[in-house]
Structure formats: structure tokens, C-alpha cells
Amino acid sequence: MIWTEVFAPAYAPVETQTLPHPLPRIMNVAEKIDNQVRRLPEQTQAEVLDFVEYLLAKTEQKPVRDEEQEWTRMSLASAMQGLEEESEPEYTEADLEERFSSS
């Protein structure tokens, strides 16, 4: 499979207005990438495709991480709820000491 079979349908050509004198057409980024990748051997095009897929996967994971962080914040807030209202600790330092016996 070559580059154009994968990415050509992904973007539409930019429309230009009809002017009395033609202006040079400015290519968008996808068109520039397409023009450069077409010049590469098919094996190198496959490497470019792999890299693009990696970037897409990385971009799509960010919202998931943001959602996970929000859940973590909510869980922590829920676990800590009411603790700030406690007037006295339930345990003393003596209760927290650990004693080890040598066997």
C-alpha cells in the first residue's frame, strides 16, 4: 500500500477564488507532507506511516490520561471527606509504635 492510498482521501483540495490574475496556490501542511512522501521509496513511506500512527495513538491517549487524573482527584477527595472535621486523633503515638521480637 502506498501513501496516497492511505492518506489522499483524508484531506480535500483547498478551493481558490477566481481573480483577474492567478495567484500562486498555497499548499496546506497535509499537501506538503503528501508531496514529500510521494518522493520516498515505498519502504520509507511505510516508516512514515508507522510514525504517523504512533503520533495519533499518543494524541488519542492524552484525553484518557486526563480522565484518569480526574477520577484520581475525585477518589482522593472522597476518601479524605470528613477527616478535616475530626477534632482529636483516634490513636496516640503509643498506639502507632511497632514492637518486634527477636526470634
Protein backbone atom coordinates (compact mmCIF):
# COMPACT_ATOMS: atom_id res chain seq x y z
CA MET A 1 0.00 0.00 0.00
CA ILE A 2 1.40 3.39 -0.87
CA TRP A 3 0.98 6.75 0.82
CA THR A 4 -1.73 8.11 -1.49
CA GLU A 5 -3.99 5.09 -0.95
CA VAL A 6 -3.93 5.71 2.80
CA PHE A 7 -3.92 9.50 3.14
CA ALA A 8 -5.17 11.03 -0.09
CA PRO A 9 -8.85 10.85 0.92
CA ALA A 10 -8.06 12.39 4.31
CA TYR A 11 -7.98 15.94 3.03
CA ALA A 12 -9.76 17.86 0.32
CA PRO A 13 -8.02 20.31 -2.01
CA VAL A 14 -8.20 23.95 -0.99
CA GLU A 15 -10.63 25.97 -3.11
CA THR A 16 -9.30 29.13 -4.75
CA GLN A 17 -11.21 32.21 -5.81
CA THR A 18 -11.29 33.34 -9.43
CA LEU A 19 -9.24 36.52 -9.72
CA PRO A 20 -8.26 38.60 -12.74
CA HIS A 21 -4.71 37.36 -12.33
CA PRO A 22 -3.94 33.93 -10.90
CA LEU A 23 -2.21 33.85 -7.53
CA PRO A 24 0.11 31.02 -6.59
CA ARG A 25 -1.75 28.38 -4.67
CA ILE A 26 -0.59 27.92 -1.08
CA MET A 27 -0.39 24.30 -0.01
CA ASN A 28 -1.63 23.23 3.39
CA VAL A 29 0.54 21.08 5.65
CA ALA A 30 -1.10 17.78 4.63
CA GLU A 31 -0.45 18.55 0.96
CA LYS A 32 3.18 19.41 1.66
CA ILE A 33 3.63 16.16 3.56
CA ASP A 34 1.94 14.25 0.75
CA ASN A 35 4.21 15.82 -1.89
CA GLN A 36 7.35 14.99 0.08
CA VAL A 37 6.31 11.44 0.98
CA ARG A 38 5.48 10.60 -2.64
CA ARG A 39 9.16 11.15 -3.45
CA LEU A 40 10.25 8.49 -0.95
CA PRO A 41 10.64 4.77 -1.68
CA GLU A 42 7.66 2.65 -0.63
CA GLN A 43 9.55 1.11 2.31
CA THR A 44 10.32 4.59 3.68
CA GLN A 45 6.67 5.59 3.12
CA ALA A 46 5.74 2.66 5.37
CA GLU A 47 8.08 4.02 8.06
CA VAL A 48 6.41 7.43 7.78
CA LEU A 49 3.02 5.74 8.15
CA ASP A 50 4.22 3.92 11.28
CA PHE A 51 5.39 7.21 12.77
CA VAL A 52 2.10 8.95 11.94
CA GLU A 53 0.17 6.09 13.57
CA TYR A 54 2.40 6.42 16.66
CA LEU A 55 1.67 10.16 16.85
CA LEU A 56 -2.06 9.52 16.50
CA ALA A 57 -2.01 6.92 19.28
CA LYS A 58 -0.06 9.27 21.53
CA THR A 59 -2.50 12.11 20.82
CA GLU A 60 -5.54 9.93 21.47
CA GLN A 61 -4.16 8.69 24.83
CA LYS A 62 -3.88 12.18 26.33
CA PRO A 63 -7.64 12.61 26.96
CA VAL A 64 -7.66 9.18 28.64
CA ARG A 65 -4.84 10.25 30.98
CA ASP A 66 -6.70 13.49 31.79
CA GLU A 67 -9.83 11.49 32.60
CA GLU A 68 -7.83 9.09 34.81
CA GLN A 69 -6.34 12.03 36.71
CA GLU A 70 -9.81 13.47 37.28
CA TRP A 71 -11.00 10.14 38.68
CA THR A 72 -7.94 10.00 40.96
CA ARG A 73 -8.66 13.50 42.28
CA MET A 74 -12.31 12.61 42.90
CA SER A 75 -11.37 9.35 44.66
CA LEU A 76 -8.87 11.10 46.92
CA ALA A 77 -11.36 13.85 47.76
CA SER A 78 -13.97 11.21 48.58
CA ALA A 79 -11.55 9.24 50.78
CA MET A 80 -10.48 12.36 52.68
CA GLN A 81 -14.02 13.67 53.12
CA GLY A 82 -14.80 14.37 56.77
CA LEU A 83 -11.22 13.93 58.01
CA GLU A 84 -10.66 17.65 58.36
CA GLU A 85 -13.64 17.82 60.75
CA GLU A 86 -12.09 15.42 63.30
CA SER A 87 -11.19 17.26 66.49
CA GLU A 88 -8.96 14.67 68.13
CA PRO A 89 -6.90 11.88 66.66
CA GLU A 90 -8.34 8.44 67.23
CA TYR A 91 -4.93 6.98 68.06
CA THR A 92 -2.00 8.20 70.13
CA GLU A 93 1.64 7.87 69.17
CA ALA A 94 1.93 4.99 71.62
CA ASP A 95 -0.70 3.12 69.61
CA LEU A 96 1.36 3.54 66.45
CA GLU A 97 4.58 2.09 67.82
CA GLU A 98 5.58 -1.27 66.44
CA ARG A 99 7.31 -3.83 68.59
CA PHE A 100 9.44 -6.53 67.10
CA SER A 101 10.56 -9.58 68.92
CA SER A 102 13.79 -11.29 68.05
CA SER A 103 13.27 -14.93 67.34
